[in-house]
């Protein structure tokens, strides 16, 4: 566990351990939950499908394409849940493959109306 105070910035870094210099790392989805085994029932989207959902989320320039750096502001799920767990899904893509998920950025999925 990592202990920080409420409203304090939490800085995170993900690193891809690979000798291939032509790979890049993209943060697709990050979800917070008070339960480390359930990220659906009581969950909070920080990012989803590459779209920022939390106003305190910010990315930082990294020294390598193998590294993704970002920060969020610490919060808690009501006073009954003093711990917050994060689950992030990252995507690895080929550098320069502009059709890959890494280069698409935020993907908004719109629901279609099924009425006639």
PDB file of N, CA and C in Angstrom:
ATOM      1  N   UNK A   1       0.824  -1.212   0.000  1.00  0.00           N
ATOM      2  CA  UNK A   1       0.000   0.000   0.000  1.00  0.00           C
ATOM      3  C   UNK A   1       0.856   1.260   0.000  1.00  0.00           C
ATOM      4  N   UNK A   2       0.275   2.298  -0.510  1.00  0.00           N
ATOM      5  CA  UNK A   2       0.927   3.590  -0.557  1.00  0.00           C
ATOM      6  C   UNK A   2       0.004   4.564   0.163  1.00  0.00           C
ATOM      7  N   UNK A   3       0.475   5.195   1.202  1.00  0.00           N
ATOM      8  CA  UNK A   3      -0.357   6.065   2.026  1.00  0.00           C
ATOM      9  C   UNK A   3      -0.132   7.529   1.685  1.00  0.00           C
ATOM     10  N   UNK A   4      -1.230   8.221   1.391  1.00  0.00           N
ATOM     11  CA  UNK A   4      -1.182   9.653   1.146  1.00  0.00           C
ATOM     12  C   UNK A   4      -2.426  10.283   1.761  1.00  0.00           C
ATOM     13  N   UNK A   5      -2.380  11.579   1.956  1.00  0.00           N
ATOM     14  CA  UNK A   5      -3.509  12.303   2.516  1.00  0.00           C
ATOM     15  C   UNK A   5      -4.525  12.628   1.424  1.00  0.00           C
ATOM     16  N   UNK A   6      -5.752  12.895   1.859  1.00  0.00           N
ATOM     17  CA  UNK A   6      -6.785  13.299   0.913  1.00  0.00           C
ATOM     18  C   UNK A   6      -6.364  14.570   0.189  1.00  0.00           C
ATOM     19  N   UNK A   7      -6.736  14.657  -1.066  1.00  0.00           N
ATOM     20  CA  UNK A   7      -6.445  15.796  -1.945  1.00  0.00           C
ATOM     21  C   UNK A   7      -4.965  15.978  -2.253  1.00  0.00           C
ATOM     22  N   UNK A   8      -4.155  15.033  -1.870  1.00  0.00           N
ATOM     23  CA  UNK A   8      -2.738  15.074  -2.226  1.00  0.00           C
ATOM     24  C   UNK A   8      -2.588  14.432  -3.603  1.00  0.00           C
ATOM     25  N   UNK A   9      -1.669  14.931  -4.413  1.00  0.00           N
ATOM     26  CA  UNK A   9      -1.439  14.346  -5.727  1.00  0.00           C
ATOM     27  C   UNK A   9      -0.743  13.004  -5.601  1.00  0.00           C
ATOM     28  N   UNK A  10      -1.212  12.051  -6.386  1.00  0.00           N
ATOM     29  CA  UNK A  10      -0.609  10.730  -6.469  1.00  0.00           C
ATOM     30  C   UNK A  10      -0.018  10.608  -7.863  1.00  0.00           C
ATOM     31  N   UNK A  11       1.291  10.426  -7.937  1.00  0.00           N
ATOM     32  CA  UNK A  11       1.983  10.329  -9.214  1.00  0.00           C
ATOM     33  C   UNK A  11       2.234   8.858  -9.522  1.00  0.00           C
ATOM     34  N   UNK A  12       1.888   8.451 -10.742  1.00  0.00           N
ATOM     35  CA  UNK A  12       2.035   7.058 -11.147  1.00  0.00           C
ATOM     36  C   UNK A  12       2.854   6.961 -12.418  1.00  0.00           C
ATOM     37  N   UNK A  13       3.522   5.839 -12.547  1.00  0.00           N
ATOM     38  CA  UNK A  13       4.312   5.577 -13.744  1.00  0.00           C
ATOM     39  C   UNK A  13       4.208   4.105 -14.087  1.00  0.00           C
ATOM     40  N   UNK A  14       3.973   3.826 -15.352  1.00  0.00           N
ATOM     41  CA  UNK A  14       3.994   2.452 -15.854  1.00  0.00           C
ATOM     42  C   UNK A  14       5.142   2.364 -16.841  1.00  0.00           C
ATOM     43  N   UNK A  15       5.866   1.267 -16.775  1.00  0.00           N
ATOM     44  CA  UNK A  15       7.026   1.119 -17.648  1.00  0.00           C
ATOM     45  C   UNK A  15       6.979  -0.240 -18.330  1.00  0.00           C
ATOM     46  N   UNK A  16       7.200  -0.248 -19.619  1.00  0.00           N
ATOM     47  CA  UNK A  16       7.243  -1.466 -20.413  1.00  0.00           C
ATOM     48  C   UNK A  16       8.690  -1.940 -20.490  1.00  0.00           C
ATOM     49  N   UNK A  17       8.966  -3.096 -19.935  1.00  0.00           N
ATOM     50  CA  UNK A  17      10.315  -3.653 -19.971  1.00  0.00           C
ATOM     51  C   UNK A  17      10.477  -4.449 -21.265  1.00  0.00           C
ATOM     52  N   UNK A  18      11.069  -3.811 -22.256  1.00  0.00           N
ATOM     53  CA  UNK A  18      11.291  -4.432 -23.555  1.00  0.00           C
ATOM     54  C   UNK A  18      12.518  -3.806 -24.196  1.00  0.00           C
ATOM     55  N   UNK A  19      13.248  -4.604 -24.930  1.00  0.00           N
ATOM     56  CA  UNK A  19      14.424  -4.076 -25.633  1.00  0.00           C
ATOM     57  C   UNK A  19      14.044  -3.507 -27.003  1.00  0.00           C
ATOM     58  N   UNK A  20      12.787  -3.663 -27.404  1.00  0.00           N
ATOM     59  CA  UNK A  20      12.326  -3.153 -28.698  1.00  0.00           C
ATOM     60  C   UNK A  20      12.050  -1.650 -28.588  1.00  0.00           C
ATOM     61  N   UNK A  21      12.842  -0.808 -29.239  1.00  0.00           N
ATOM     62  CA  UNK A  21      12.647   0.646 -29.142  1.00  0.00           C
ATOM     63  C   UNK A  21      11.443   1.148 -29.936  1.00  0.00           C
ATOM     64  N   UNK A  22      10.819   0.279 -30.723  1.00  0.00           N
ATOM     65  CA  UNK A  22       9.701   0.686 -31.567  1.00  0.00           C
ATOM     66  C   UNK A  22       8.340   0.400 -30.946  1.00  0.00           C
ATOM     67  N   UNK A  23       8.282   0.312 -29.623  1.00  0.00           N
ATOM     68  CA  UNK A  23       7.019   0.099 -28.935  1.00  0.00           C
ATOM     69  C   UNK A  23       6.666   1.333 -28.114  1.00  0.00           C
ATOM     70  N   UNK A  24       5.372   1.621 -28.008  1.00  0.00           N
ATOM     71  CA  UNK A  24       4.909   2.723 -27.173  1.00  0.00           C
ATOM     72  C   UNK A  24       3.833   2.202 -26.219  1.00  0.00           C
ATOM     73  N   UNK A  25       3.625   2.943 -25.148  1.00  0.00           N
ATOM     74  CA  UNK A  25       2.693   2.572 -24.102  1.00  0.00           C
ATOM     75  C   UNK A  25       1.604   3.630 -24.006  1.00  0.00           C
ATOM     76  N   UNK A  26       0.345   3.193 -23.902  1.00  0.00           N
ATOM     77  CA  UNK A  26      -0.802   4.100 -23.852  1.00  0.00           C
ATOM     78  C   UNK A  26      -1.722   3.701 -22.700  1.00  0.00           C
ATOM     79  N   UNK A  27      -2.089   4.677 -21.854  1.00  0.00           N
ATOM     80  CA  UNK A  27      -3.022   4.426 -20.749  1.00  0.00           C
ATOM     81  C   UNK A  27      -4.431   4.508 -21.320  1.00  0.00           C
ATOM     82  N   UNK A  28      -5.123   3.381 -21.383  1.00  0.00           N
ATOM     83  CA  UNK A  28      -6.465   3.338 -21.959  1.00  0.00           C
ATOM     84  C   UNK A  28      -7.539   3.574 -20.909  1.00  0.00           C
ATOM     85  N   UNK A  29      -7.539   2.772 -19.842  1.00  0.00           N
ATOM     86  CA  UNK A  29      -8.591   2.849 -18.830  1.00  0.00           C
ATOM     87  C   UNK A  29      -8.013   2.683 -17.438  1.00  0.00           C
ATOM     88  N   UNK A  30      -8.391   3.557 -16.519  1.00  0.00           N
ATOM     89  CA  UNK A  30      -8.028   3.432 -15.104  1.00  0.00           C
ATOM     90  C   UNK A  30      -9.293   3.581 -14.279  1.00  0.00           C
ATOM     91  N   UNK A  31      -9.510   2.637 -13.391  1.00  0.00           N
ATOM     92  CA  UNK A  31     -10.699   2.610 -12.549  1.00  0.00           C
ATOM     93  C   UNK A  31     -10.258   2.522 -11.089  1.00  0.00           C
ATOM     94  N   UNK A  32     -10.967   3.229 -10.224  1.00  0.00           N
ATOM     95  CA  UNK A  32     -10.719   3.174  -8.783  1.00  0.00           C
ATOM     96  C   UNK A  32     -11.899   2.488  -8.109  1.00  0.00           C
ATOM     97  N   UNK A  33     -11.608   1.750  -7.035  1.00  0.00           N
ATOM     98  CA  UNK A  33     -12.646   1.046  -6.291  1.00  0.00           C
ATOM     99  C   UNK A  33     -12.209   0.872  -4.840  1.00  0.00           C
ATOM    100  N   UNK A  34     -13.161   0.805  -3.906  1.00  0.00           N
ATOM    101  CA  UNK A  34     -12.796   0.514  -2.517  1.00  0.00           C
ATOM    102  C   UNK A  34     -12.567  -0.979  -2.289  1.00  0.00           C
ATOM    103  N   UNK A  35     -12.921  -1.801  -3.282  1.00  0.00           N
ATOM    104  CA  UNK A  35     -12.776  -3.257  -3.193  1.00  0.00           C
ATOM    105  C   UNK A  35     -11.761  -3.728  -4.228  1.00  0.00           C
ATOM    106  N   UNK A  36     -10.647  -4.322  -3.800  1.00  0.00           N
ATOM    107  CA  UNK A  36      -9.625  -4.739  -4.764  1.00  0.00           C
ATOM    108  C   UNK A  36     -10.064  -5.895  -5.674  1.00  0.00           C
ATOM    109  N   UNK A  37     -11.218  -6.498  -5.387  1.00  0.00           N
ATOM    110  CA  UNK A  37     -11.700  -7.633  -6.170  1.00  0.00           C
ATOM    111  C   UNK A  37     -12.920  -7.293  -7.017  1.00  0.00           C
ATOM    112  N   UNK A  38     -13.427  -6.067  -6.903  1.00  0.00           N
ATOM    113  CA  UNK A  38     -14.626  -5.672  -7.638  1.00  0.00           C
ATOM    114  C   UNK A  38     -14.483  -4.237  -8.137  1.00  0.00           C
ATOM    115  N   UNK A  39     -14.271  -4.111  -9.433  1.00  0.00           N
ATOM    116  CA  UNK A  39     -14.119  -2.790 -10.038  1.00  0.00           C
ATOM    117  C   UNK A  39     -15.352  -2.409 -10.862  1.00  0.00           C
ATOM    118  N   UNK A  40     -16.516  -3.005 -10.491  1.00  0.00           N
ATOM    119  CA  UNK A  40     -17.763  -2.705 -11.202  1.00  0.00           C
ATOM    120  C   UNK A  40     -18.845  -2.130 -10.295  1.00  0.00           C
ATOM    121  N   UNK A  41     -19.062  -2.738  -9.124  1.00  0.00           N
ATOM    122  CA  UNK A  41     -20.172  -2.348  -8.264  1.00  0.00           C
ATOM    123  C   UNK A  41     -20.064  -0.908  -7.782  1.00  0.00           C
ATOM    124  N   UNK A  42     -19.017  -0.597  -7.076  1.00  0.00           N
ATOM    125  CA  UNK A  42     -18.764   0.767  -6.605  1.00  0.00           C
ATOM    126  C   UNK A  42     -17.418   1.165  -7.198  1.00  0.00           C
ATOM    127  N   UNK A  43     -17.477   1.809  -8.346  1.00  0.00           N
ATOM    128  CA  UNK A  43     -16.251   2.132  -9.072  1.00  0.00           C
ATOM    129  C   UNK A  43     -16.300   3.560  -9.574  1.00  0.00           C
ATOM    130  N   UNK A  44     -15.124   4.104  -9.801  1.00  0.00           N
ATOM    131  CA  UNK A  44     -14.988   5.464 -10.289  1.00  0.00           C
ATOM    132  C   UNK A  44     -14.004   5.460 -11.445  1.00  0.00           C
ATOM    133  N   UNK A  45     -14.461   5.913 -12.599  1.00  0.00           N
ATOM    134  CA  UNK A  45     -13.602   5.965 -13.790  1.00  0.00           C
ATOM    135  C   UNK A  45     -12.691   7.180 -13.723  1.00  0.00           C
ATOM    136  N   UNK A  46     -11.402   6.927 -13.813  1.00  0.00           N
ATOM    137  CA  UNK A  46     -10.421   8.009 -13.907  1.00  0.00           C
ATOM    138  C   UNK A  46     -10.186   8.322 -15.381  1.00  0.00           C
ATOM    139  N   UNK A  47      -9.966   7.266 -16.163  1.00  0.00           N
ATOM    140  CA  UNK A  47      -9.951   7.359 -17.622  1.00  0.00           C
ATOM    141  C   UNK A  47     -10.731   6.164 -18.149  1.00  0.00           C
ATOM    142  N   UNK A  48     -11.355   6.333 -19.298  1.00  0.00           N
ATOM    143  CA  UNK A  48     -12.086   5.223 -19.912  1.00  0.00           C
ATOM    144  C   UNK A  48     -11.977   5.359 -21.415  1.00  0.00           C
ATOM    145  N   UNK A  49     -11.504   4.302 -22.061  1.00  0.00           N
ATOM    146  CA  UNK A  49     -11.306   4.303 -23.513  1.00  0.00           C
ATOM    147  C   UNK A  49     -10.446   5.484 -23.969  1.00  0.00           C
ATOM    148  N   UNK A  50      -9.446   5.827 -23.152  1.00  0.00           N
ATOM    149  CA  UNK A  50      -8.548   6.916 -23.495  1.00  0.00           C
ATOM    150  C   UNK A  50      -9.093   8.294 -23.178  1.00  0.00           C
ATOM    151  N   UNK A  51     -10.328   8.371 -22.670  1.00  0.00           N
ATOM    152  CA  UNK A  51     -10.960   9.650 -22.347  1.00  0.00           C
ATOM    153  C   UNK A  51     -10.800   9.946 -20.859  1.00  0.00           C
ATOM    154  N   UNK A  52     -10.398  11.154 -20.548  1.00  0.00           N
ATOM    155  CA  UNK A  52     -10.217  11.569 -19.161  1.00  0.00           C
ATOM    156  C   UNK A  52     -11.588  11.773 -18.532  1.00  0.00           C
ATOM    157  N   UNK A  53     -11.820  11.125 -17.377  1.00  0.00           N
ATOM    158  CA  UNK A  53     -13.097  11.242 -16.660  1.00  0.00           C
ATOM    159  C   UNK A  53     -12.945  11.996 -15.337  1.00  0.00           C
ATOM    160  N   UNK A  54     -11.720  12.174 -14.875  1.00  0.00           N
ATOM    161  CA  UNK A  54     -11.457  12.858 -13.607  1.00  0.00           C
ATOM    162  C   UNK A  54     -10.693  14.138 -13.898  1.00  0.00           C
ATOM    163  N   UNK A  55     -11.191  15.249 -13.387  1.00  0.00           N
ATOM    164  CA  UNK A  55     -10.587  16.549 -13.700  1.00  0.00           C
ATOM    165  C   UNK A  55      -9.190  16.719 -13.113  1.00  0.00           C
ATOM    166  N   UNK A  56      -8.815  15.879 -12.133  1.00  0.00           N
ATOM    167  CA  UNK A  56      -7.478  16.000 -11.538  1.00  0.00           C
ATOM    168  C   UNK A  56      -6.440  15.161 -12.274  1.00  0.00           C
ATOM    169  N   UNK A  57      -6.881  14.373 -13.247  1.00  0.00           N
ATOM    170  CA  UNK A  57      -5.964  13.523 -14.011  1.00  0.00           C
ATOM    171  C   UNK A  57      -5.137  14.379 -14.964  1.00  0.00           C
ATOM    172  N   UNK A  58      -3.847  14.128 -14.989  1.00  0.00           N
ATOM    173  CA  UNK A  58      -2.966  14.834 -15.926  1.00  0.00           C
ATOM    174  C   UNK A  58      -1.835  13.899 -16.329  1.00  0.00           C
ATOM    175  N   UNK A  59      -1.433  13.988 -17.577  1.00  0.00           N
ATOM    176  CA  UNK A  59      -0.302  13.190 -18.051  1.00  0.00           C
ATOM    177  C   UNK A  59       0.953  14.038 -18.023  1.00  0.00           C
ATOM    178  N   UNK A  60       2.088  13.360 -17.970  1.00  0.00           N
ATOM    179  CA  UNK A  60       3.381  14.040 -17.947  1.00  0.00           C
ATOM    180  C   UNK A  60       4.269  13.481 -19.040  1.00  0.00           C
ATOM    181  N   UNK A  61       5.109  14.357 -19.558  1.00  0.00           N
ATOM    182  CA  UNK A  61       6.089  13.939 -20.558  1.00  0.00           C
ATOM    183  C   UNK A  61       7.000  12.890 -19.941  1.00  0.00           C
ATOM    184  N   UNK A  62       7.258  11.838 -20.674  1.00  0.00           N
ATOM    185  CA  UNK A  62       8.138  10.791 -20.154  1.00  0.00           C
ATOM    186  C   UNK A  62       9.411  10.720 -20.987  1.00  0.00           C
ATOM    187  N   UNK A  63      10.474  10.193 -20.387  1.00  0.00           N
ATOM    188  CA  UNK A  63      11.757  10.148 -21.084  1.00  0.00           C
ATOM    189  C   UNK A  63      11.811   9.104 -22.194  1.00  0.00           C
ATOM    190  N   UNK A  64      10.822   8.228 -22.243  1.00  0.00           N
ATOM    191  CA  UNK A  64      10.846   7.135 -23.197  1.00  0.00           C
ATOM    192  C   UNK A  64       9.431   6.782 -23.630  1.00  0.00           C
ATOM    193  N   UNK A  65       9.286   6.234 -24.839  1.00  0.00           N
ATOM    194  CA  UNK A  65       7.967   5.787 -25.297  1.00  0.00           C
ATOM    195  C   UNK A  65       7.524   4.546 -24.523  1.00  0.00           C
ATOM    196  N   UNK A  66       8.463   3.929 -23.802  1.00  0.00           N
ATOM    197  CA  UNK A  66       8.149   2.753 -22.979  1.00  0.00           C
ATOM    198  C   UNK A  66       7.566   3.134 -21.628  1.00  0.00           C
ATOM    199  N   UNK A  67       7.396   4.414 -21.381  1.00  0.00           N
ATOM    200  CA  UNK A  67       6.983   4.898 -20.069  1.00  0.00           C
ATOM    201  C   UNK A  67       5.731   5.765 -20.202  1.00  0.00           C
ATOM    202  N   UNK A  68       4.752   5.540 -19.307  1.00  0.00           N
ATOM    203  CA  UNK A  68       3.560   6.387 -19.239  1.00  0.00           C
ATOM    204  C   UNK A  68       3.501   6.976 -17.839  1.00  0.00           C
ATOM    205  N   UNK A  69       3.410   8.304 -17.749  1.00  0.00           N
ATOM    206  CA  UNK A  69       3.375   8.989 -16.455  1.00  0.00           C
ATOM    207  C   UNK A  69       2.102   9.814 -16.353  1.00  0.00           C
ATOM    208  N   UNK A  70       1.466   9.742 -15.170  1.00  0.00           N
ATOM    209  CA  UNK A  70       0.265  10.531 -14.940  1.00  0.00           C
ATOM    210  C   UNK A  70       0.056  10.738 -13.452  1.00  0.00           C
ATOM    211  N   UNK A  71      -0.874  11.635 -13.112  1.00  0.00           N
ATOM    212  CA  UNK A  71      -1.185  11.903 -11.707  1.00  0.00           C
ATOM    213  C   UNK A  71      -2.680  12.068 -11.554  1.00  0.00           C
ATOM    214  N   UNK A  72      -3.144  11.782 -10.328  1.00  0.00           N
ATOM    215  CA  UNK A  72      -4.518  12.044  -9.936  1.00  0.00           C
ATOM    216  C   UNK A  72      -4.493  12.603  -8.528  1.00  0.00           C
ATOM    217  N   UNK A  73      -5.587  13.202  -8.138  1.00  0.00           N
ATOM    218  CA  UNK A  73      -5.723  13.725  -6.789  1.00  0.00           C
ATOM    219  C   UNK A  73      -6.360  12.656  -5.915  1.00  0.00           C
ATOM    220  N   UNK A  74      -5.798  12.398  -4.745  1.00  0.00           N
ATOM    221  CA  UNK A  74      -6.274  11.342  -3.862  1.00  0.00           C
ATOM    222  C   UNK A  74      -7.673  11.642  -3.332  1.00  0.00           C
ATOM    223  N   UNK A  75      -8.495  10.607  -3.256  1.00  0.00           N
ATOM    224  CA  UNK A  75      -9.857  10.734  -2.748  1.00  0.00           C
ATOM    225  C   UNK A  75     -10.231   9.449  -2.019  1.00  0.00           C
ATOM    226  N   UNK A  76     -11.393   9.445  -1.383  1.00  0.00           N
ATOM    227  CA  UNK A  76     -11.876   8.234  -0.729  1.00  0.00           C
ATOM    228  C   UNK A  76     -13.331   8.010  -1.109  1.00  0.00           C
ATOM    229  N   UNK A  77     -13.762   6.742  -1.052  1.00  0.00           N
ATOM    230  CA  UNK A  77     -15.147   6.395  -1.306  1.00  0.00           C
ATOM    231  C   UNK A  77     -15.917   6.500   0.001  1.00  0.00           C
ATOM    232  N   UNK A  78     -16.563   7.638   0.189  1.00  0.00           N
ATOM    233  CA  UNK A  78     -17.326   7.889   1.409  1.00  0.00           C
ATOM    234  C   UNK A  78     -16.412   7.626   2.614  1.00  0.00           C
ATOM    235  N   UNK A  79     -16.854   7.836   3.804  1.00  0.00           N
ATOM    236  CA  UNK A  79     -15.980   7.632   4.969  1.00  0.00           C
ATOM    237  C   UNK A  79     -15.894   6.165   5.365  1.00  0.00           C
ATOM    238  N   UNK A  80     -16.782   5.322   4.827  1.00  0.00           N
ATOM    239  CA  UNK A  80     -16.767   3.896   5.164  1.00  0.00           C
ATOM    240  C   UNK A  80     -15.643   3.139   4.463  1.00  0.00           C
ATOM    241  N   UNK A  81     -15.060   3.722   3.438  1.00  0.00           N
ATOM    242  CA  UNK A  81     -14.035   3.041   2.656  1.00  0.00           C
ATOM    243  C   UNK A  81     -12.757   3.867   2.641  1.00  0.00           C
ATOM    244  N   UNK A  82     -11.881   3.683   3.605  1.00  0.00           N
ATOM    245  CA  UNK A  82     -10.678   4.512   3.677  1.00  0.00           C
ATOM    246  C   UNK A  82      -9.619   4.161   2.626  1.00  0.00           C
ATOM    247  N   UNK A  83      -9.731   2.977   2.012  1.00  0.00           N
ATOM    248  CA  UNK A  83      -8.741   2.569   1.002  1.00  0.00           C
ATOM    249  C   UNK A  83      -9.336   2.668  -0.397  1.00  0.00           C
ATOM    250  N   UNK A  84      -8.488   3.045  -1.329  1.00  0.00           N
ATOM    251  CA  UNK A  84      -8.881   3.111  -2.730  1.00  0.00           C
ATOM    252  C   UNK A  84      -7.878   2.280  -3.527  1.00  0.00           C
ATOM    253  N   UNK A  85      -8.388   1.410  -4.378  1.00  0.00           N
ATOM    254  CA  UNK A  85      -7.543   0.556  -5.215  1.00  0.00           C
ATOM    255  C   UNK A  85      -7.681   0.997  -6.663  1.00  0.00           C
ATOM    256  N   UNK A  86      -6.587   0.929  -7.392  1.00  0.00           N
ATOM    257  CA  UNK A  86      -6.589   1.321  -8.801  1.00  0.00           C
ATOM    258  C   UNK A  86      -6.327   0.114  -9.681  1.00  0.00           C
ATOM    259  N   UNK A  87      -7.013   0.086 -10.809  1.00  0.00           N
ATOM    260  CA  UNK A  87      -6.736  -0.912 -11.843  1.00  0.00           C
ATOM    261  C   UNK A  87      -6.649  -0.163 -13.161  1.00  0.00           C
ATOM    262  N   UNK A  88      -5.503  -0.259 -13.797  1.00  0.00           N
ATOM    263  CA  UNK A  88      -5.315   0.441 -15.068  1.00  0.00           C
ATOM    264  C   UNK A  88      -5.031  -0.560 -16.179  1.00  0.00           C
ATOM    265  N   UNK A  89      -5.609  -0.296 -17.333  1.00  0.00           N
ATOM    266  CA  UNK A  89      -5.366  -1.098 -18.522  1.00  0.00           C
ATOM    267  C   UNK A  89      -4.551  -0.250 -19.490  1.00  0.00           C
ATOM    268  N   UNK A  90      -3.413  -0.788 -19.877  1.00  0.00           N
ATOM    269  CA  UNK A  90      -2.534  -0.087 -20.803  1.00  0.00           C
ATOM    270  C   UNK A  90      -2.427  -0.882 -22.086  1.00  0.00           C
ATOM    271  N   UNK A  91      -2.122  -0.183 -23.159  1.00  0.00           N
ATOM    272  CA  UNK A  91      -2.005  -0.802 -24.466  1.00  0.00           C
ATOM    273  C   UNK A  91      -0.584  -0.598 -24.967  1.00  0.00           C
ATOM    274  N   UNK A  92      -0.030  -1.629 -25.566  1.00  0.00           N
ATOM    275  CA  UNK A  92       1.291  -1.547 -26.184  1.00  0.00           C
ATOM    276  C   UNK A  92       1.092  -1.562 -27.698  1.00  0.00           C
ATOM    277  N   UNK A  93       1.690  -0.593 -28.375  1.00  0.00           N
ATOM    278  CA  UNK A  93       1.546  -0.484 -29.830  1.00  0.00           C
ATOM    279  C   UNK A  93       2.912  -0.308 -30.485  1.00  0.00           C
ATOM    280  N   UNK A  94       2.907  -0.480 -31.782  1.00  0.00           N
ATOM    281  CA  UNK A  94       4.103  -0.269 -32.585  1.00  0.00           C
ATOM    282  C   UNK A  94       4.242   1.225 -32.849  1.00  0.00           C
ATOM    283  N   UNK A  95       5.407   1.775 -32.589  1.00  0.00           N
ATOM    284  CA  UNK A  95       5.700   3.186 -32.817  1.00  0.00           C
ATOM    285  C   UNK A  95       5.444   3.535 -34.282  1.00  0.00           C
ATOM    286  N   UNK A  96       4.682   4.593 -34.515  1.00  0.00           N
ATOM    287  CA  UNK A  96       4.408   5.042 -35.877  1.00  0.00           C
ATOM    288  C   UNK A  96       3.227   4.359 -36.546  1.00  0.00           C
ATOM    289  N   UNK A  97       2.588   3.377 -35.882  1.00  0.00           N
ATOM    290  CA  UNK A  97       1.406   2.716 -36.444  1.00  0.00           C
ATOM    291  C   UNK A  97       0.187   3.555 -36.075  1.00  0.00           C
ATOM    292  N   UNK A  98      -0.125   4.529 -36.924  1.00  0.00           N
ATOM    293  CA  UNK A  98      -1.165   5.504 -36.615  1.00  0.00           C
ATOM    294  C   UNK A  98      -2.577   4.932 -36.644  1.00  0.00           C
ATOM    295  N   UNK A  99      -2.733   3.704 -37.095  1.00  0.00           N
ATOM    296  CA  UNK A  99      -4.044   3.055 -37.051  1.00  0.00           C
ATOM    297  C   UNK A  99      -4.226   2.270 -35.746  1.00  0.00           C
ATOM    298  N   UNK A 100      -3.185   2.215 -34.920  1.00  0.00           N
ATOM    299  CA  UNK A 100      -3.253   1.441 -33.678  1.00  0.00           C
ATOM    300  C   UNK A 100      -4.016   2.199 -32.596  1.00  0.00           C
ATOM    301  N   UNK A 101      -4.408   1.501 -31.563  1.00  0.00           N
ATOM    302  CA  UNK A 101      -5.157   2.078 -30.447  1.00  0.00           C
ATOM    303  C   UNK A 101      -4.406   3.225 -29.780  1.00  0.00           C
ATOM    304  N   UNK A 102      -3.102   3.145 -29.700  1.00  0.00           N
ATOM    305  CA  UNK A 102      -2.296   4.163 -29.026  1.00  0.00           C
ATOM    306  C   UNK A 102      -2.424   5.545 -29.662  1.00  0.00           C
ATOM    307  N   UNK A 103      -2.656   5.597 -30.950  1.00  0.00           N
ATOM    308  CA  UNK A 103      -2.727   6.869 -31.654  1.00  0.00           C
ATOM    309  C   UNK A 103      -4.155   7.384 -31.820  1.00  0.00           C
ATOM    310  N   UNK A 104      -5.150   6.599 -31.405  1.00  0.00           N
ATOM    311  CA  UNK A 104      -6.546   7.012 -31.569  1.00  0.00           C
ATOM    312  C   UNK A 104      -7.013   7.959 -30.474  1.00  0.00           C
ATOM    313  N   UNK A 105      -6.338   7.950 -29.320  1.00  0.00           N
ATOM    314  CA  UNK A 105      -6.726   8.841 -28.226  1.00  0.00           C
ATOM    315  C   UNK A 105      -8.068   8.474 -27.635  1.00  0.00           C
ATOM    316  N   UNK A 106      -8.852   9.480 -27.303  1.00  0.00           N
ATOM    317  CA  UNK A 106     -10.157   9.280 -26.678  1.00  0.00           C
ATOM    318  C   UNK A 106     -11.153   8.712 -27.685  1.00  0.00           C
ATOM    319  N   UNK A 107     -11.786   7.605 -27.304  1.00  0.00           N
ATOM    320  CA  UNK A 107     -12.810   6.994 -28.153  1.00  0.00           C
ATOM    321  C   UNK A 107     -14.142   7.111 -27.435  1.00  0.00           C
ATOM    322  N   UNK A 108     -14.999   7.977 -27.940  1.00  0.00           N
ATOM    323  CA  UNK A 108     -16.338   8.125 -27.378  1.00  0.00           C
ATOM    324  C   UNK A 108     -17.263   7.155 -28.088  1.00  0.00           C
ATOM    325  N   UNK A 109     -17.954   6.363 -27.325  1.00  0.00           N
ATOM    326  CA  UNK A 109     -18.902   5.419 -27.903  1.00  0.00           C
ATOM    327  C   UNK A 109     -20.307   5.940 -27.652  1.00  0.00           C
ATOM    328  N   UNK A 110     -21.009   6.204 -28.705  1.00  0.00           N
ATOM    329  CA  UNK A 110     -22.370   6.730 -28.570  1.00  0.00           C
ATOM    330  C   UNK A 110     -23.367   5.590 -28.687  1.00  0.00           C
ATOM    331  N   UNK A 111     -24.390   5.639 -27.841  1.00  0.00           N
ATOM    332  CA  UNK A 111     -25.463   4.649 -27.907  1.00  0.00           C
ATOM    333  C   UNK A 111     -26.418   5.042 -29.017  1.00  0.00           C
ATOM    334  N   UNK A 112     -26.890   4.036 -29.731  1.00  0.00           N
ATOM    335  CA  UNK A 112     -27.835   4.311 -30.797  1.00  0.00           C
ATOM    336  C   UNK A 112     -29.260   4.166 -30.274  1.00  0.00           C
ATOM    337  N   UNK A 113     -30.140   4.946 -30.843  1.00  0.00           N
ATOM    338  CA  UNK A 113     -31.548   4.861 -30.487  1.00  0.00           C
ATOM    339  C   UNK A 113     -32.144   3.670 -31.239  1.00  0.00           C
ATOM    340  N   UNK A 114     -32.800   2.753 -30.490  1.00  0.00           N
ATOM    341  CA  UNK A 114     -33.361   1.566 -31.111  1.00  0.00           C
ATOM    342  C   UNK A 114     -34.824   1.740 -31.504  1.00  0.00           C
ATOM    343  N   UNK A 115     -35.403   2.907 -31.205  1.00  0.00           N
ATOM    344  CA  UNK A 115     -36.795   3.127 -31.587  1.00  0.00           C
ATOM    345  C   UNK A 115     -36.905   3.349 -33.098  1.00  0.00           C
ATOM    346  N   UNK A 116     -38.078   3.093 -33.626  1.00  0.00           N
ATOM    347  CA  UNK A 116     -38.243   3.196 -35.086  1.00  0.00           C
ATOM    348  C   UNK A 116     -38.330   4.628 -35.559  1.00  0.00           C
TER     349      UNK A 116
END
